[in-house]
Amino acid sequence: MARRKASRTVEEEVDYDKQTWNVYSMMLLLSMLAILIGCIFLILELKAYEWKLDAKVDASGRPAAIAAEAIGYNSPDALA
């Protein structure tokens, strides 16, 4: 089988216009901005706590959230 020669040469290539912004491009840009703003606020929040990521512990050495749950602080009955 012989290969066919290309119908156009390199000089005859068609120039395409740049695609315009559409709704999906704008949604992509807005979502990227929302993620960046969220990251900035997360960094500011972590700076307020001096980048400490440890759980707070009570006098017994248990994490505070577990200790609060043990005394019923987070139970649905306490909220009613």
Foldseek 3Di string as FASTA:
>chain_A
DDDDDDPDDPVPDDDDDDDDDDPVNVVVVVVVVVVVVVVVVVVVVCVVVPVDPDAPADPVRHGPVVVCVVVPNPPPVVVD
